[in-house]
Amino acid sequence: MDKLFLGINNHVICVNKKDGAELWKTKLRSSTITNVYYEANSVFAYSGGHLYCLNAQDGEIIWENQLKGLGYGTCIIASEHQNSTVITSQIATQQAGAAAISVAGVAASSS
C-alpha cells in the first residue's frame, strides 16, 4: 500500500508515501484531534464528536454516526485486527496533545 492517512485539524488527508503528494483531503467536523484508522479499504475517523467511514480511494464519506449522548471528548479507535501497542500509542499521543493545549492555554491567560 502506497498511501498514508493523516488526521489533522478536522481533516483526513491521504498522501502518497513515496513522494508525500496529497492524493485527497476530506473536511470533517471541527475538532482539535482527528483520529483515523484504516481497514479493508475504509478509513474510519473520529472528529468533533462524530464517527465517519470514508472511502480510502477518494475520501468520500460513506457514512457518519453522530454518537448521540457521548459528547465531544477524545476517542480511541480500535478493532479486532489492531494490536494493543497501537492503541497504547494513540492514548499517549492524545494525552500529550491535551497537555500541550492546557499548557498553551495557561501561558496565554497569564500574558
PDB file of N, CA and C in Angstrom:
ATOM      1  N   MET A   1       0.843  -1.178   0.000  1.00  0.00           N
ATOM      2  CA  MET A   1       0.000   0.000   0.000  1.00  0.00           C
ATOM      3  C   MET A   1       0.890   1.242   0.000  1.00  0.00           C
ATOM      4  N   ASP A   2       0.599   2.158  -0.877  1.00  0.00           N
ATOM      5  CA  ASP A   2       1.402   3.361  -1.030  1.00  0.00           C
ATOM      6  C   ASP A   2       0.768   4.593  -0.422  1.00  0.00           C
ATOM      7  N   LYS A   3      -0.249   4.414   0.413  1.00  0.00           N
ATOM      8  CA  LYS A   3      -0.969   5.560   0.979  1.00  0.00           C
ATOM      9  C   LYS A   3      -0.736   5.658   2.475  1.00  0.00           C
ATOM     10  N   LEU A   4      -0.734   6.905   2.946  1.00  0.00           N
ATOM     11  CA  LEU A   4      -0.659   7.195   4.365  1.00  0.00           C
ATOM     12  C   LEU A   4      -1.825   8.117   4.690  1.00  0.00           C
ATOM     13  N   PHE A   5      -2.556   7.812   5.763  1.00  0.00           N
ATOM     14  CA  PHE A   5      -3.734   8.589   6.141  1.00  0.00           C
ATOM     15  C   PHE A   5      -3.423   9.376   7.408  1.00  0.00           C
ATOM     16  N   LEU A   6      -3.703  10.678   7.367  1.00  0.00           N
ATOM     17  CA  LEU A   6      -3.446  11.569   8.486  1.00  0.00           C
ATOM     18  C   LEU A   6      -4.747  12.171   8.984  1.00  0.00           C
ATOM     19  N   GLY A   7      -4.892  12.270  10.282  1.00  0.00           N
ATOM     20  CA  GLY A   7      -5.992  13.009  10.885  1.00  0.00           C
ATOM     21  C   GLY A   7      -5.404  14.268  11.472  1.00  0.00           C
ATOM     22  N   ILE A   8      -5.765  15.419  10.915  1.00  0.00           N
ATOM     23  CA  ILE A   8      -5.159  16.669  11.367  1.00  0.00           C
ATOM     24  C   ILE A   8      -6.112  17.842  11.153  1.00  0.00           C
ATOM     25  N   ASN A   9      -6.288  18.638  12.191  1.00  0.00           N
ATOM     26  CA  ASN A   9      -7.065  19.870  12.090  1.00  0.00           C
ATOM     27  C   ASN A   9      -8.426  19.661  11.416  1.00  0.00           C
ATOM     28  N   ASN A  10      -9.194  18.733  11.916  1.00  0.00           N
ATOM     29  CA  ASN A  10     -10.529  18.346  11.447  1.00  0.00           C
ATOM     30  C   ASN A  10     -10.586  17.939   9.974  1.00  0.00           C
ATOM     31  N   HIS A  11      -9.497  17.359   9.470  1.00  0.00           N
ATOM     32  CA  HIS A  11      -9.442  16.808   8.119  1.00  0.00           C
ATOM     33  C   HIS A  11      -8.848  15.402   8.172  1.00  0.00           C
ATOM     34  N   VAL A  12      -9.212  14.586   7.193  1.00  0.00           N
ATOM     35  CA  VAL A  12      -8.476  13.362   6.912  1.00  0.00           C
ATOM     36  C   VAL A  12      -7.778  13.616   5.591  1.00  0.00           C
ATOM     37  N   ILE A  13      -6.476  13.374   5.571  1.00  0.00           N
ATOM     38  CA  ILE A  13      -5.672  13.632   4.387  1.00  0.00           C
ATOM     39  C   ILE A  13      -4.986  12.332   3.982  1.00  0.00           C
ATOM     40  N   CYS A  14      -5.003  12.054   2.703  1.00  0.00           N
ATOM     41  CA  CYS A  14      -4.326  10.884   2.159  1.00  0.00           C
ATOM     42  C   CYS A  14      -3.143  11.376   1.334  1.00  0.00           C
ATOM     43  N   VAL A  15      -1.953  10.877   1.666  1.00  0.00           N
ATOM     44  CA  VAL A  15      -0.753  11.251   0.925  1.00  0.00           C
ATOM     45  C   VAL A  15      -0.062  10.001   0.380  1.00  0.00           C
ATOM     46  N   ASN A  16       0.673  10.207  -0.680  1.00  0.00           N
ATOM     47  CA  ASN A  16       1.468   9.141  -1.276  1.00  0.00           C
ATOM     48  C   ASN A  16       2.720   8.974  -0.425  1.00  0.00           C
ATOM     49  N   LYS A  17       2.985   7.744   0.048  1.00  0.00           N
ATOM     50  CA  LYS A  17       4.131   7.500   0.919  1.00  0.00           C
ATOM     51  C   LYS A  17       5.467   7.677   0.207  1.00  0.00           C
ATOM     52  N   LYS A  18       5.491   7.515  -1.094  1.00  0.00           N
ATOM     53  CA  LYS A  18       6.757   7.609  -1.830  1.00  0.00           C
ATOM     54  C   LYS A  18       7.237   9.041  -2.010  1.00  0.00           C
ATOM     55  N   ASP A  19       6.295   9.977  -2.266  1.00  0.00           N
ATOM     56  CA  ASP A  19       6.723  11.350  -2.546  1.00  0.00           C
ATOM     57  C   ASP A  19       6.012  12.417  -1.710  1.00  0.00           C
ATOM     58  N   GLY A  20       5.071  12.013  -0.853  1.00  0.00           N
ATOM     59  CA  GLY A  20       4.373  12.955   0.012  1.00  0.00           C
ATOM     60  C   GLY A  20       3.279  13.756  -0.655  1.00  0.00           C
ATOM     61  N   ALA A  21       2.996  13.468  -1.926  1.00  0.00           N
ATOM     62  CA  ALA A  21       1.954  14.208  -2.650  1.00  0.00           C
ATOM     63  C   ALA A  21       0.581  13.940  -2.042  1.00  0.00           C
ATOM     64  N   GLU A  22      -0.199  15.007  -1.889  1.00  0.00           N
ATOM     65  CA  GLU A  22      -1.562  14.862  -1.374  1.00  0.00           C
ATOM     66  C   GLU A  22      -2.439  14.234  -2.456  1.00  0.00           C
ATOM     67  N   LEU A  23      -3.104  13.134  -2.100  1.00  0.00           N
ATOM     68  CA  LEU A  23      -3.992  12.455  -3.037  1.00  0.00           C
ATOM     69  C   LEU A  23      -5.429  12.923  -2.881  1.00  0.00           C
ATOM     70  N   TRP A  24      -5.858  13.151  -1.639  1.00  0.00           N
ATOM     71  CA  TRP A  24      -7.173  13.722  -1.366  1.00  0.00           C
ATOM     72  C   TRP A  24      -7.204  14.259   0.057  1.00  0.00           C
ATOM     73  N   LYS A  25      -8.193  15.124   0.317  1.00  0.00           N
ATOM     74  CA  LYS A  25      -8.396  15.710   1.649  1.00  0.00           C
ATOM     75  C   LYS A  25      -9.895  15.850   1.863  1.00  0.00           C
ATOM     76  N   THR A  26     -10.382  15.386   3.017  1.00  0.00           N
ATOM     77  CA  THR A  26     -11.797  15.484   3.354  1.00  0.00           C
ATOM     78  C   THR A  26     -11.951  16.241   4.666  1.00  0.00           C
ATOM     79  N   LYS A  27     -12.764  17.296   4.651  1.00  0.00           N
ATOM     80  CA  LYS A  27     -13.028  18.094   5.850  1.00  0.00           C
ATOM     81  C   LYS A  27     -14.135  17.426   6.659  1.00  0.00           C
ATOM     82  N   LEU A  28     -13.914  17.321   7.966  1.00  0.00           N
ATOM     83  CA  LEU A  28     -14.899  16.750   8.887  1.00  0.00           C
ATOM     84  C   LEU A  28     -15.328  17.842   9.869  1.00  0.00           C
ATOM     85  N   ARG A  29     -16.083  17.473  10.876  1.00  0.00           N
ATOM     86  CA  ARG A  29     -16.496  18.443  11.900  1.00  0.00           C
ATOM     87  C   ARG A  29     -15.271  18.984  12.630  1.00  0.00           C
ATOM     88  N   SER A  30     -15.383  20.203  13.076  1.00  0.00           N
ATOM     89  CA  SER A  30     -14.286  20.881  13.750  1.00  0.00           C
ATOM     90  C   SER A  30     -13.880  20.141  15.025  1.00  0.00           C
ATOM     91  N   SER A  31     -12.573  19.961  15.183  1.00  0.00           N
ATOM     92  CA  SER A  31     -12.047  19.271  16.349  1.00  0.00           C
ATOM     93  C   SER A  31     -10.553  19.552  16.460  1.00  0.00           C
ATOM     94  N   THR A  32     -10.032  19.555  17.684  1.00  0.00           N
ATOM     95  CA  THR A  32      -8.586  19.726  17.851  1.00  0.00           C
ATOM     96  C   THR A  32      -7.848  18.428  17.551  1.00  0.00           C
ATOM     97  N   ILE A  33      -8.508  17.299  17.760  1.00  0.00           N
ATOM     98  CA  ILE A  33      -7.896  15.994  17.484  1.00  0.00           C
ATOM     99  C   ILE A  33      -8.791  15.232  16.516  1.00  0.00           C
ATOM    100  N   THR A  34      -8.195  14.711  15.445  1.00  0.00           N
ATOM    101  CA  THR A  34      -8.914  13.873  14.488  1.00  0.00           C
ATOM    102  C   THR A  34      -8.190  12.538  14.424  1.00  0.00           C
ATOM    103  N   ASN A  35      -8.825  11.494  14.941  1.00  0.00           N
ATOM    104  CA  ASN A  35      -8.237  10.157  14.935  1.00  0.00           C
ATOM    105  C   ASN A  35      -8.631   9.424  13.669  1.00  0.00           C
ATOM    106  N   VAL A  36      -7.713   8.616  13.138  1.00  0.00           N
ATOM    107  CA  VAL A  36      -8.011   7.816  11.958  1.00  0.00           C
ATOM    108  C   VAL A  36      -7.562   6.375  12.157  1.00  0.00           C
ATOM    109  N   TYR A  37      -8.232   5.493  11.458  1.00  0.00           N
ATOM    110  CA  TYR A  37      -7.914   4.069  11.477  1.00  0.00           C
ATOM    111  C   TYR A  37      -8.262   3.502  10.114  1.00  0.00           C
ATOM    112  N   TYR A  38      -7.345   2.764   9.501  1.00  0.00           N
ATOM    113  CA  TYR A  38      -7.563   2.178   8.179  1.00  0.00           C
ATOM    114  C   TYR A  38      -7.812   0.679   8.299  1.00  0.00           C
ATOM    115  N   GLU A  39      -8.805   0.207   7.555  1.00  0.00           N
ATOM    116  CA  GLU A  39      -9.070  -1.229   7.485  1.00  0.00           C
ATOM    117  C   GLU A  39      -9.932  -1.524   6.269  1.00  0.00           C
ATOM    118  N   ALA A  40      -9.539  -2.500   5.474  1.00  0.00           N
ATOM    119  CA  ALA A  40     -10.339  -3.028   4.359  1.00  0.00           C
ATOM    120  C   ALA A  40     -10.849  -1.935   3.417  1.00  0.00           C
ATOM    121  N   ASN A  41      -9.946  -1.088   2.947  1.00  0.00           N
ATOM    122  CA  ASN A  41     -10.255  -0.010   2.006  1.00  0.00           C
ATOM    123  C   ASN A  41     -11.201   1.055   2.562  1.00  0.00           C
ATOM    124  N   SER A  42     -11.306   1.129   3.879  1.00  0.00           N
ATOM    125  CA  SER A  42     -12.092   2.172   4.528  1.00  0.00           C
ATOM    126  C   SER A  42     -11.213   2.884   5.549  1.00  0.00           C
ATOM    127  N   VAL A  43     -11.423   4.185   5.680  1.00  0.00           N
ATOM    128  CA  VAL A  43     -10.751   4.966   6.715  1.00  0.00           C
ATOM    129  C   VAL A  43     -11.831   5.396   7.694  1.00  0.00           C
ATOM    130  N   PHE A  44     -11.667   5.006   8.945  1.00  0.00           N
ATOM    131  CA  PHE A  44     -12.601   5.396   9.992  1.00  0.00           C
ATOM    132  C   PHE A  44     -11.978   6.565  10.727  1.00  0.00           C
ATOM    133  N   ALA A  45     -12.759   7.610  10.937  1.00  0.00           N
ATOM    134  CA  ALA A  45     -12.227   8.819  11.555  1.00  0.00           C
ATOM    135  C   ALA A  45     -13.195   9.343  12.609  1.00  0.00           C
ATOM    136  N   TYR A  46     -12.633   9.835  13.699  1.00  0.00           N
ATOM    137  CA  TYR A  46     -13.423  10.486  14.748  1.00  0.00           C
ATOM    138  C   TYR A  46     -13.006  11.942  14.805  1.00  0.00           C
ATOM    139  N   SER A  47     -13.993  12.829  14.724  1.00  0.00           N
ATOM    140  CA  SER A  47     -13.724  14.262  14.783  1.00  0.00           C
ATOM    141  C   SER A  47     -14.975  14.985  15.259  1.00  0.00           C
ATOM    142  N   GLY A  48     -14.825  15.887  16.192  1.00  0.00           N
ATOM    143  CA  GLY A  48     -15.937  16.711  16.656  1.00  0.00           C
ATOM    144  C   GLY A  48     -17.126  15.925  17.177  1.00  0.00           C
ATOM    145  N   GLY A  49     -16.877  14.805  17.845  1.00  0.00           N
ATOM    146  CA  GLY A  49     -17.965  14.016  18.418  1.00  0.00           C
ATOM    147  C   GLY A  49     -18.669  13.101  17.434  1.00  0.00           C
ATOM    148  N   HIS A  50     -18.183  13.023  16.204  1.00  0.00           N
ATOM    149  CA  HIS A  50     -18.807  12.187  15.178  1.00  0.00           C
ATOM    150  C   HIS A  50     -17.815  11.135  14.685  1.00  0.00           C
ATOM    151  N   LEU A  51     -18.347   9.970  14.334  1.00  0.00           N
ATOM    152  CA  LEU A  51     -17.553   8.913  13.729  1.00  0.00           C
ATOM    153  C   LEU A  51     -17.902   8.835  12.251  1.00  0.00           C
ATOM    154  N   TYR A  52     -16.873   8.748  11.399  1.00  0.00           N
ATOM    155  CA  TYR A  52     -17.059   8.716   9.954  1.00  0.00           C
ATOM    156  C   TYR A  52     -16.421   7.461   9.370  1.00  0.00           C
ATOM    157  N   CYS A  53     -16.975   7.014   8.254  1.00  0.00           N
ATOM    158  CA  CYS A  53     -16.352   5.995   7.431  1.00  0.00           C
ATOM    159  C   CYS A  53     -16.130   6.624   6.060  1.00  0.00           C
ATOM    160  N   LEU A  54     -14.866   6.656   5.612  1.00  0.00           N
ATOM    161  CA  LEU A  54     -14.515   7.251   4.327  1.00  0.00           C
ATOM    162  C   LEU A  54     -13.982   6.184   3.381  1.00  0.00           C
ATOM    163  N   ASN A  55     -14.211   6.369   2.104  1.00  0.00           N
ATOM    164  CA  ASN A  55     -13.637   5.517   1.081  1.00  0.00           C
ATOM    165  C   ASN A  55     -12.148   5.843   0.995  1.00  0.00           C
ATOM    166  N   ALA A  56     -11.286   4.850   1.162  1.00  0.00           N
ATOM    167  CA  ALA A  56      -9.846   5.084   1.169  1.00  0.00           C
ATOM    168  C   ALA A  56      -9.310   5.498  -0.198  1.00  0.00           C
ATOM    169  N   GLN A  57     -10.049   5.251  -1.255  1.00  0.00           N
ATOM    170  CA  GLN A  57      -9.579   5.598  -2.595  1.00  0.00           C
ATOM    171  C   GLN A  57      -9.726   7.086  -2.906  1.00  0.00           C
ATOM    172  N   ASP A  58     -10.850   7.687  -2.457  1.00  0.00           N
ATOM    173  CA  ASP A  58     -11.115   9.074  -2.849  1.00  0.00           C
ATOM    174  C   ASP A  58     -11.531   9.996  -1.698  1.00  0.00           C
ATOM    175  N   GLY A  59     -11.655   9.472  -0.480  1.00  0.00           N
ATOM    176  CA  GLY A  59     -12.013  10.297   0.671  1.00  0.00           C
ATOM    177  C   GLY A  59     -13.491  10.592   0.816  1.00  0.00           C
ATOM    178  N   GLU A  60     -14.321  10.022  -0.056  1.00  0.00           N
ATOM    179  CA  GLU A  60     -15.763  10.265   0.031  1.00  0.00           C
ATOM    180  C   GLU A  60     -16.308   9.689   1.337  1.00  0.00           C
ATOM    181  N   ILE A  61     -17.168  10.469   2.008  1.00  0.00           N
ATOM    182  CA  ILE A  61     -17.800   9.999   3.244  1.00  0.00           C
ATOM    183  C   ILE A  61     -18.862   8.972   2.888  1.00  0.00           C
ATOM    184  N   ILE A  62     -18.704   7.758   3.412  1.00  0.00           N
ATOM    185  CA  ILE A  62     -19.651   6.664   3.169  1.00  0.00           C
ATOM    186  C   ILE A  62     -20.798   6.739   4.173  1.00  0.00           C
ATOM    187  N   TRP A  63     -20.452   6.944   5.441  1.00  0.00           N
ATOM    188  CA  TRP A  63     -21.471   7.133   6.467  1.00  0.00           C
ATOM    189  C   TRP A  63     -20.907   7.967   7.609  1.00  0.00           C
ATOM    190  N   GLU A  64     -21.834   8.463   8.438  1.00  0.00           N
ATOM    191  CA  GLU A  64     -21.489   9.283   9.602  1.00  0.00           C
ATOM    192  C   GLU A  64     -22.401   8.882  10.756  1.00  0.00           C
ATOM    193  N   ASN A  65     -21.826   8.736  11.952  1.00  0.00           N
ATOM    194  CA  ASN A  65     -22.585   8.433  13.156  1.00  0.00           C
ATOM    195  C   ASN A  65     -22.345   9.572  14.133  1.00  0.00           C
ATOM    196  N   GLN A  66     -23.411  10.225  14.581  1.00  0.00           N
ATOM    197  CA  GLN A  66     -23.294  11.373  15.479  1.00  0.00           C
ATOM    198  C   GLN A  66     -22.940  10.995  16.914  1.00  0.00           C
ATOM    199  N   LEU A  67     -22.936   9.716  17.225  1.00  0.00           N
ATOM    200  CA  LEU A  67     -22.592   9.236  18.570  1.00  0.00           C
ATOM    201  C   LEU A  67     -23.355  10.012  19.642  1.00  0.00           C
ATOM    202  N   LYS A  68     -24.649  10.101  19.441  1.00  0.00           N
ATOM    203  CA  LYS A  68     -25.516  10.887  20.330  1.00  0.00           C
ATOM    204  C   LYS A  68     -25.345  10.507  21.792  1.00  0.00           C
ATOM    205  N   GLY A  69     -25.261  11.536  22.614  1.00  0.00           N
ATOM    206  CA  GLY A  69     -25.178  11.365  24.055  1.00  0.00           C
ATOM    207  C   GLY A  69     -23.780  11.087  24.584  1.00  0.00           C
ATOM    208  N   LEU A  70     -22.763  11.049  23.704  1.00  0.00           N
ATOM    209  CA  LEU A  70     -21.424  10.725  24.167  1.00  0.00           C
ATOM    210  C   LEU A  70     -20.497  11.932  24.272  1.00  0.00           C
ATOM    211  N   GLY A  71     -20.938  13.089  23.834  1.00  0.00           N
ATOM    212  CA  GLY A  71     -20.132  14.297  23.971  1.00  0.00           C
ATOM    213  C   GLY A  71     -19.065  14.426  22.910  1.00  0.00           C
ATOM    214  N   TYR A  72     -18.075  15.287  23.202  1.00  0.00           N
ATOM    215  CA  TYR A  72     -17.044  15.640  22.227  1.00  0.00           C
ATOM    216  C   TYR A  72     -15.639  15.331  22.714  1.00  0.00           C
ATOM    217  N   GLY A  73     -15.493  14.457  23.682  1.00  0.00           N
ATOM    218  CA  GLY A  73     -14.171  14.142  24.220  1.00  0.00           C
ATOM    219  C   GLY A  73     -13.304  13.377  23.237  1.00  0.00           C
ATOM    220  N   THR A  74     -12.095  13.056  23.682  1.00  0.00           N
ATOM    221  CA  THR A  74     -11.194  12.288  22.845  1.00  0.00           C
ATOM    222  C   THR A  74     -11.720  10.874  22.666  1.00  0.00           C
ATOM    223  N   CYS A  75     -11.282  10.222  21.593  1.00  0.00           N
ATOM    224  CA  CYS A  75     -11.788   8.903  21.240  1.00  0.00           C
ATOM    225  C   CYS A  75     -10.633   8.041  20.736  1.00  0.00           C
ATOM    226  N   ILE A  76     -10.588   6.809  21.166  1.00  0.00           N
ATOM    227  CA  ILE A  76      -9.632   5.831  20.660  1.00  0.00           C
ATOM    228  C   ILE A  76     -10.401   4.907  19.720  1.00  0.00           C
ATOM    229  N   ILE A  77      -9.855   4.688  18.521  1.00  0.00           N
ATOM    230  CA  ILE A  77     -10.485   3.803  17.545  1.00  0.00           C
ATOM    231  C   ILE A  77      -9.664   2.516  17.480  1.00  0.00           C
ATOM    232  N   ALA A  78     -10.326   1.378  17.609  1.00  0.00           N
ATOM    233  CA  ALA A  78      -9.639   0.090  17.539  1.00  0.00           C
ATOM    234  C   ALA A  78     -10.587  -0.947  16.947  1.00  0.00           C
ATOM    235  N   SER A  79     -10.017  -2.037  16.490  1.00  0.00           N
ATOM    236  CA  SER A  79     -10.824  -3.160  16.013  1.00  0.00           C
ATOM    237  C   SER A  79     -10.141  -4.448  16.434  1.00  0.00           C
ATOM    238  N   GLU A  80     -10.750  -5.548  16.092  1.00  0.00           N
ATOM    239  CA  GLU A  80     -10.171  -6.842  16.450  1.00  0.00           C
ATOM    240  C   GLU A  80      -8.854  -7.108  15.712  1.00  0.00           C
ATOM    241  N   HIS A  81      -8.534  -6.320  14.687  1.00  0.00           N
ATOM    242  CA  HIS A  81      -7.315  -6.511  13.908  1.00  0.00           C
ATOM    243  C   HIS A  81      -6.156  -5.651  14.401  1.00  0.00           C
ATOM    244  N   GLN A  82      -6.388  -4.805  15.390  1.00  0.00           N
ATOM    245  CA  GLN A  82      -5.385  -3.851  15.848  1.00  0.00           C
ATOM    246  C   GLN A  82      -4.736  -4.364  17.124  1.00  0.00           C
ATOM    247  N   ASN A  83      -3.426  -4.220  17.234  1.00  0.00           N
ATOM    248  CA  ASN A  83      -2.755  -4.715  18.434  1.00  0.00           C
ATOM    249  C   ASN A  83      -2.733  -3.663  19.538  1.00  0.00           C
ATOM    250  N   SER A  84      -2.462  -4.100  20.750  1.00  0.00           N
ATOM    251  CA  SER A  84      -2.531  -3.217  21.913  1.00  0.00           C
ATOM    252  C   SER A  84      -1.446  -2.141  21.893  1.00  0.00           C
ATOM    253  N   THR A  85      -0.323  -2.369  21.225  1.00  0.00           N
ATOM    254  CA  THR A  85       0.730  -1.366  21.145  1.00  0.00           C
ATOM    255  C   THR A  85       0.253  -0.121  20.414  1.00  0.00           C
ATOM    256  N   VAL A  86      -0.494  -0.312  19.326  1.00  0.00           N
ATOM    257  CA  VAL A  86      -1.021   0.817  18.564  1.00  0.00           C
ATOM    258  C   VAL A  86      -2.012   1.598  19.413  1.00  0.00           C
ATOM    259  N   ILE A  87      -2.876   0.909  20.114  1.00  0.00           N
ATOM    260  CA  ILE A  87      -3.868   1.567  20.961  1.00  0.00           C
ATOM    261  C   ILE A  87      -3.169   2.360  22.071  1.00  0.00           C
ATOM    262  N   THR A  88      -2.161   1.777  22.708  1.00  0.00           N
ATOM    263  CA  THR A  88      -1.413   2.465  23.757  1.00  0.00           C
ATOM    264  C   THR A  88      -0.753   3.720  23.206  1.00  0.00           C
ATOM    265  N   SER A  89      -0.200   3.628  22.001  1.00  0.00           N
ATOM    266  CA  SER A  89       0.422   4.784  21.360  1.00  0.00           C
ATOM    267  C   SER A  89      -0.592   5.885  21.099  1.00  0.00           C
ATOM    268  N   GLN A  90      -1.802   5.527  20.645  1.00  0.00           N
ATOM    269  CA  GLN A  90      -2.848   6.519  20.412  1.00  0.00           C
ATOM    270  C   GLN A  90      -3.210   7.238  21.701  1.00  0.00           C
ATOM    271  N   ILE A  91      -3.341   6.503  22.784  1.00  0.00           N
ATOM    272  CA  ILE A  91      -3.693   7.106  24.070  1.00  0.00           C
ATOM    273  C   ILE A  91      -2.604   8.084  24.506  1.00  0.00           C
ATOM    274  N   ALA A  92      -1.340   7.685  24.393  1.00  0.00           N
ATOM    275  CA  ALA A  92      -0.227   8.552  24.785  1.00  0.00           C
ATOM    276  C   ALA A  92      -0.198   9.817  23.942  1.00  0.00           C
ATOM    277  N   THR A  93      -0.449   9.692  22.651  1.00  0.00           N
ATOM    278  CA  THR A  93      -0.467  10.854  21.763  1.00  0.00           C
ATOM    279  C   THR A  93      -1.570  11.818  22.144  1.00  0.00           C
ATOM    280  N   GLN A  94      -2.760  11.294  22.422  1.00  0.00           N
ATOM    281  CA  GLN A  94      -3.879  12.155  22.810  1.00  0.00           C
ATOM    282  C   GLN A  94      -3.603  12.854  24.131  1.00  0.00           C
ATOM    283  N   GLN A  95      -3.026  12.136  25.083  1.00  0.00           N
ATOM    284  CA  GLN A  95      -2.726  12.747  26.374  1.00  0.00           C
ATOM    285  C   GLN A  95      -1.681  13.850  26.224  1.00  0.00           C
ATOM    286  N   ALA A  96      -0.675  13.628  25.389  1.00  0.00           N
ATOM    287  CA  ALA A  96       0.349  14.651  25.157  1.00  0.00           C
ATOM    288  C   ALA A  96      -0.264  15.873  24.478  1.00  0.00           C
ATOM    289  N   GLY A  97      -1.155  15.650  23.524  1.00  0.00           N
ATOM    290  CA  GLY A  97      -1.820  16.764  22.839  1.00  0.00           C
ATOM    291  C   GLY A  97      -2.683  17.565  23.790  1.00  0.00           C
ATOM    292  N   ALA A  98      -3.418  16.878  24.644  1.00  0.00           N
ATOM    293  CA  ALA A  98      -4.268  17.572  25.610  1.00  0.00           C
ATOM    294  C   ALA A  98      -3.420  18.366  26.599  1.00  0.00           C
ATOM    295  N   ALA A  99      -2.292  17.809  27.015  1.00  0.00           N
ATOM    296  CA  ALA A  99      -1.401  18.517  27.937  1.00  0.00           C
ATOM    297  C   ALA A  99      -0.820  19.761  27.277  1.00  0.00           C
ATOM    298  N   ALA A 100      -0.449  19.653  26.010  1.00  0.00           N
ATOM    299  CA  ALA A 100       0.107  20.804  25.292  1.00  0.00           C
ATOM    300  C   ALA A 100      -0.923  21.915  25.155  1.00  0.00           C
ATOM    301  N   ILE A 101      -2.177  21.548  24.900  1.00  0.00           N
ATOM    302  CA  ILE A 101      -3.242  22.540  24.789  1.00  0.00           C
ATOM    303  C   ILE A 101      -3.454  23.240  26.134  1.00  0.00           C
ATOM    304  N   SER A 102      -3.424  22.469  27.215  1.00  0.00           N
ATOM    305  CA  SER A 102      -3.596  23.044  28.560  1.00  0.00           C
ATOM    306  C   SER A 102      -2.469  24.017  28.889  1.00  0.00           C
ATOM    307  N   VAL A 103      -1.229  23.639  28.582  1.00  0.00           N
ATOM    308  CA  VAL A 103      -0.085  24.494  28.853  1.00  0.00           C
ATOM    309  C   VAL A 103      -0.177  25.769  28.032  1.00  0.00           C
ATOM    310  N   ALA A 104      -0.554  25.648  26.747  1.00  0.00           N
ATOM    311  CA  ALA A 104      -0.687  26.818  25.893  1.00  0.00           C
ATOM    312  C   ALA A 104      -1.780  27.752  26.408  1.00  0.00           C
ATOM    313  N   GLY A 105      -2.871  27.182  26.899  1.00  0.00           N
ATOM    314  CA  GLY A 105      -3.962  27.985  27.444  1.00  0.00           C
ATOM    315  C   GLY A 105      -3.552  28.737  28.695  1.00  0.00           C
ATOM    316  N   VAL A 106      -2.802  28.079  29.563  1.00  0.00           N
ATOM    317  CA  VAL A 106      -2.320  28.727  30.787  1.00  0.00           C
ATOM    318  C   VAL A 106      -1.344  29.833  30.438  1.00  0.00           C
ATOM    319  N   ALA A 107      -0.449  29.583  29.493  1.00  0.00           N
ATOM    320  CA  ALA A 107       0.541  30.587  29.096  1.00  0.00           C
ATOM    321  C   ALA A 107      -0.147  31.807  28.481  1.00  0.00           C
ATOM    322  N   ALA A 108      -1.170  31.577  27.674  1.00  0.00           N
ATOM    323  CA  ALA A 108      -1.883  32.676  27.034  1.00  0.00           C
ATOM    324  C   ALA A 108      -2.650  33.510  28.056  1.00  0.00           C
ATOM    325  N   SER A 109      -3.230  32.845  29.049  1.00  0.00           N
ATOM    326  CA  SER A 109      -4.031  33.578  30.036  1.00  0.00           C
ATOM    327  C   SER A 109      -3.169  34.355  31.021  1.00  0.00           C
ATOM    328  N   SER A 110      -1.911  33.955  31.183  1.00  0.00           N
ATOM    329  CA  SER A 110      -1.036  34.677  32.111  1.00  0.00           C
ATOM    330  C   SER A 110      -0.297  35.819  31.442  1.00  0.00           C
ATOM    331  N   SER A 111      -0.432  35.954  30.118  1.00  0.00           N
ATOM    332  CA  SER A 111       0.253  37.037  29.385  1.00  0.00           C
ATOM    333  C   SER A 111      -0.436  38.356  29.573  1.00  0.00           C
TER     334      SER A 111
END
